[in-house]
Amino acid sequence: MKVFVFALLIFTSSVSIAQATNQINWMTWNEMTAQRDKDSIKKKIFVDFYTGWCGWCKKMDATTFADPNIVAYMNQNFYAVKFDAETRDTIVFNDHTFVNTDPTFVKTSPNARGRAHWFAQSLLESQLSYPSYAMLDENFTRLMIWKGFKKQDELIGILVFFATNQYKYYHNFLNEQWQKSLQQQQGKSQPGQ
């Protein structure tokens, strides 16, 4: 009987661990900063801005963010922050205190529209559309903002682009393409060629 109970405990804990790794390790902003402070090697930060009333946000959660490849890559390479863009929580970041634009406003239901949070306004440059995402580097510098529902292949491309630091060298590629284009134009404009 003891062996059966022990085996059952091991099976239950292994199932719990497996289930825990089948979803993105979403954190609040404050949980992320606390984890980041503990880590010796810092990761980039992926912020998902959502609202309770956003249907496309829910579709992202049910499809793209549930994809096993997205889950594994996100958990391995990023601090994943899920931020309710209408939260009434206070966020302190970079010696600034961010609050909701109308902290006294009370939603009539969880799915009702609320008032935007100043933190979302700041990171998204007041372009409030949901879902929206922000990518920050290891030093909290914003690298990119993008909006809308993303399929798995679109999102994994974005994640790989930033996790592997390709974004740092992309300007070199664009510059090479520009120079080639200019050379081709000059070649066509010269008489006799």
Protein backbone atom coordinates (compact mmCIF):
# COMPACT_ATOMS: atom_id res chain seq x y z
CA MET A 1 0.00 0.00 0.00
CA LYS A 2 2.84 2.41 0.83
CA VAL A 3 4.43 1.72 -2.54
CA PHE A 4 1.12 2.48 -4.29
CA VAL A 5 0.72 5.80 -2.41
CA PHE A 6 4.33 6.72 -3.16
CA ALA A 7 3.88 5.88 -6.87
CA LEU A 8 0.65 7.88 -6.94
CA LEU A 9 2.40 10.89 -5.39
CA ILE A 10 5.22 10.71 -7.95
CA PHE A 11 2.76 10.37 -10.82
CA THR A 12 0.65 13.29 -9.57
CA SER A 13 3.66 15.57 -9.14
CA SER A 14 5.06 14.63 -12.56
CA VAL A 15 1.67 15.36 -14.17
CA SER A 16 1.59 18.73 -12.37
CA ILE A 17 5.08 19.56 -13.61
CA ALA A 18 4.17 18.52 -17.15
CA GLN A 19 1.01 20.65 -17.03
CA ALA A 20 2.97 23.61 -15.69
CA THR A 21 5.36 23.48 -18.63
CA ASN A 22 2.49 23.30 -21.15
CA GLN A 23 1.70 26.96 -20.66
CA ILE A 24 3.60 30.19 -20.79
CA ASN A 25 5.00 31.27 -17.45
CA TRP A 26 3.10 34.57 -17.41
CA MET A 27 4.12 37.02 -14.71
CA THR A 28 2.93 40.37 -13.53
CA TRP A 29 5.28 43.30 -14.07
CA ASN A 30 6.29 43.25 -10.39
CA GLU A 31 6.87 39.47 -10.41
CA MET A 32 9.03 39.86 -13.51
CA THR A 33 11.19 42.60 -12.01
CA ALA A 34 11.65 40.54 -8.83
CA GLN A 35 12.66 37.45 -10.86
CA ARG A 36 14.94 39.54 -13.06
CA ASP A 37 16.70 40.93 -9.97
CA LYS A 38 17.38 37.34 -8.79
CA ASP A 39 18.68 36.06 -12.16
CA SER A 40 22.37 36.37 -12.95
CA ILE A 41 21.67 36.17 -16.69
CA LYS A 42 18.90 38.56 -17.71
CA LYS A 43 16.39 37.81 -20.47
CA LYS A 44 14.49 40.03 -22.82
CA ILE A 45 10.95 40.95 -21.78
CA PHE A 46 7.85 40.16 -23.82
CA VAL A 47 4.81 42.14 -22.65
CA ASP A 48 1.32 41.09 -23.76
CA PHE A 49 -1.15 43.97 -23.32
CA TYR A 50 -4.71 42.68 -23.10
CA THR A 51 -8.11 43.64 -21.75
CA GLY A 52 -10.96 41.56 -20.36
CA TRP A 53 -13.26 42.55 -23.22
CA CYS A 54 -10.80 41.83 -26.06
CA GLY A 55 -11.91 38.85 -28.15
CA TRP A 56 -8.66 38.66 -30.12
CA CYS A 57 -6.71 38.59 -26.84
CA LYS A 58 -8.70 35.54 -25.78
CA LYS A 59 -8.08 33.92 -29.16
CA MET A 60 -4.32 34.51 -28.75
CA ASP A 61 -4.47 32.80 -25.34
CA ALA A 62 -6.43 29.84 -26.74
CA THR A 63 -4.34 29.31 -29.88
CA THR A 64 -0.98 30.99 -30.39
CA PHE A 65 0.00 31.26 -26.73
CA ALA A 66 -1.09 27.62 -26.21
CA ASP A 67 1.11 26.27 -29.02
CA PRO A 68 3.77 23.98 -27.49
CA ASN A 69 6.57 25.52 -29.60
CA ILE A 70 5.61 29.05 -28.56
CA VAL A 71 5.31 27.97 -24.92
CA ALA A 72 8.73 26.30 -24.85
CA TYR A 73 10.51 29.11 -26.71
CA MET A 74 8.87 31.87 -24.69
CA ASN A 75 9.61 30.20 -21.34
CA GLN A 76 13.22 29.53 -22.27
CA ASN A 77 14.11 32.91 -23.74
CA PHE A 78 11.90 35.62 -22.27
CA TYR A 79 10.31 37.00 -19.17
CA ALA A 80 6.68 36.86 -20.27
CA VAL A 81 4.52 39.59 -18.77
CA LYS A 82 0.75 39.63 -19.14
CA PHE A 83 -0.46 43.15 -18.47
CA ASP A 84 -4.11 44.15 -18.21
CA ALA A 85 -4.03 47.52 -19.97
CA GLU A 86 -6.95 48.67 -17.82
CA THR A 87 -5.69 47.50 -14.44
CA ARG A 88 -6.03 49.70 -11.40
CA ASP A 89 -2.70 48.45 -10.00
CA THR A 90 0.15 50.88 -9.43
CA ILE A 91 3.38 50.19 -11.30
CA VAL A 92 6.66 51.80 -10.22
CA PHE A 93 9.26 51.72 -12.96
CA ASN A 94 12.29 53.88 -13.74
CA ASP A 95 11.52 56.21 -10.84
CA HIS A 96 8.03 56.84 -12.26
CA THR A 97 4.74 55.78 -10.75
CA PHE A 98 2.14 54.63 -13.27
CA VAL A 99 -1.55 54.39 -12.36
CA ASN A 100 -4.80 53.99 -14.22
CA THR A 101 -5.87 57.13 -16.08
CA ASP A 102 -9.04 57.15 -13.96
CA PRO A 103 -8.26 55.20 -10.77
CA THR A 104 -11.74 55.83 -9.33
CA PHE A 105 -13.53 54.29 -12.34
CA VAL A 106 -15.17 50.96 -11.54
CA LYS A 107 -16.07 48.54 -14.32
CA THR A 108 -19.64 47.25 -14.33
CA SER A 109 -18.35 43.73 -15.15
CA PRO A 110 -14.98 42.08 -15.84
CA ASN A 111 -15.72 42.19 -19.58
CA ALA A 112 -16.76 45.84 -19.63
CA ARG A 113 -14.45 48.48 -21.05
CA GLY A 114 -12.38 50.31 -18.50
CA ARG A 115 -9.91 53.17 -18.49
CA ALA A 116 -6.39 52.77 -19.85
CA HIS A 117 -3.39 52.45 -17.57
CA TRP A 118 -0.59 55.02 -17.95
CA PHE A 119 1.99 52.22 -18.14
CA ALA A 120 0.25 50.77 -21.20
CA GLN A 121 -0.04 54.26 -22.67
CA SER A 122 3.68 54.82 -22.11
CA LEU A 123 5.02 51.54 -23.50
CA LEU A 124 2.59 51.55 -26.44
CA GLU A 125 3.13 55.23 -27.23
CA SER A 126 -0.61 55.87 -26.67
CA GLN A 127 -1.47 53.58 -29.60
CA LEU A 128 -3.95 51.53 -27.59
CA SER A 129 -5.12 48.56 -29.61
CA TYR A 130 -5.52 45.08 -28.22
CA PRO A 131 -3.86 42.75 -28.23
CA SER A 132 -0.60 44.67 -28.41
CA TYR A 133 2.89 43.56 -27.52
CA ALA A 134 6.11 45.24 -26.52
CA MET A 135 9.58 43.73 -26.63
CA LEU A 136 12.12 45.10 -24.18
CA ASP A 137 15.78 44.20 -24.02
CA GLU A 138 17.61 43.02 -20.91
CA ASN A 139 18.04 46.64 -19.78
CA PHE A 140 14.35 47.57 -20.21
CA THR A 141 14.92 49.44 -23.49
CA ARG A 142 11.89 49.08 -25.72
CA LEU A 143 12.86 47.40 -28.99
CA MET A 144 9.54 47.04 -30.75
CA ILE A 145 5.78 47.38 -30.48
CA TRP A 146 3.36 45.41 -32.60
CA LYS A 147 -0.38 44.95 -32.59
CA GLY A 148 -3.04 42.43 -33.38
CA PHE A 149 -3.59 38.72 -33.43
CA LYS A 150 -0.52 36.74 -34.47
CA LYS A 151 -0.54 33.19 -35.77
CA GLN A 152 2.02 30.77 -34.40
CA ASP A 153 4.42 31.09 -37.35
CA GLU A 154 4.29 34.90 -37.21
CA LEU A 155 4.98 35.03 -33.48
CA ILE A 156 7.76 32.44 -33.48
CA GLY A 157 9.52 34.44 -36.19
CA ILE A 158 9.34 37.58 -34.05
CA LEU A 159 10.52 35.73 -30.95
CA VAL A 160 13.49 34.15 -32.73
CA PHE A 161 14.42 37.50 -34.33
CA PHE A 162 14.77 39.09 -30.89
CA ALA A 163 15.99 36.14 -28.81
CA THR A 164 18.90 35.52 -31.18
CA ASN A 165 19.75 39.25 -31.38
CA GLN A 166 19.19 39.36 -35.14
CA TYR A 167 17.53 42.73 -34.63
CA LYS A 168 20.97 44.17 -33.79
CA TYR A 169 22.31 43.32 -37.23
CA TYR A 170 19.23 43.80 -39.37
CA HIS A 171 20.22 47.37 -40.21
CA ASN A 172 23.39 45.96 -41.84
CA PHE A 173 21.26 43.76 -44.09
CA LEU A 174 18.98 46.68 -44.99
CA ASN A 175 21.96 48.90 -45.71
CA GLU A 176 23.46 46.27 -48.03
CA GLN A 177 20.15 45.94 -49.86
CA TRP A 178 19.92 49.73 -50.20
CA GLN A 179 23.47 49.99 -51.54
CA LYS A 180 22.81 47.22 -54.10
CA SER A 181 19.62 49.00 -55.18
CA LEU A 182 21.50 52.28 -55.63
CA GLN A 183 24.23 50.57 -57.65
CA GLN A 184 21.64 48.94 -59.90
CA GLN A 185 19.89 52.27 -60.44
CA GLN A 186 23.19 53.98 -61.26
CA GLY A 187 24.07 51.22 -63.71
CA LYS A 188 20.75 51.62 -65.52
CA SER A 189 21.00 55.41 -65.66
CA GLN A 190 24.46 55.47 -67.27
CA PRO A 191 24.30 55.63 -71.09
CA GLY A 192 25.75 52.76 -73.06
CA GLN A 193 24.98 50.08 -70.52
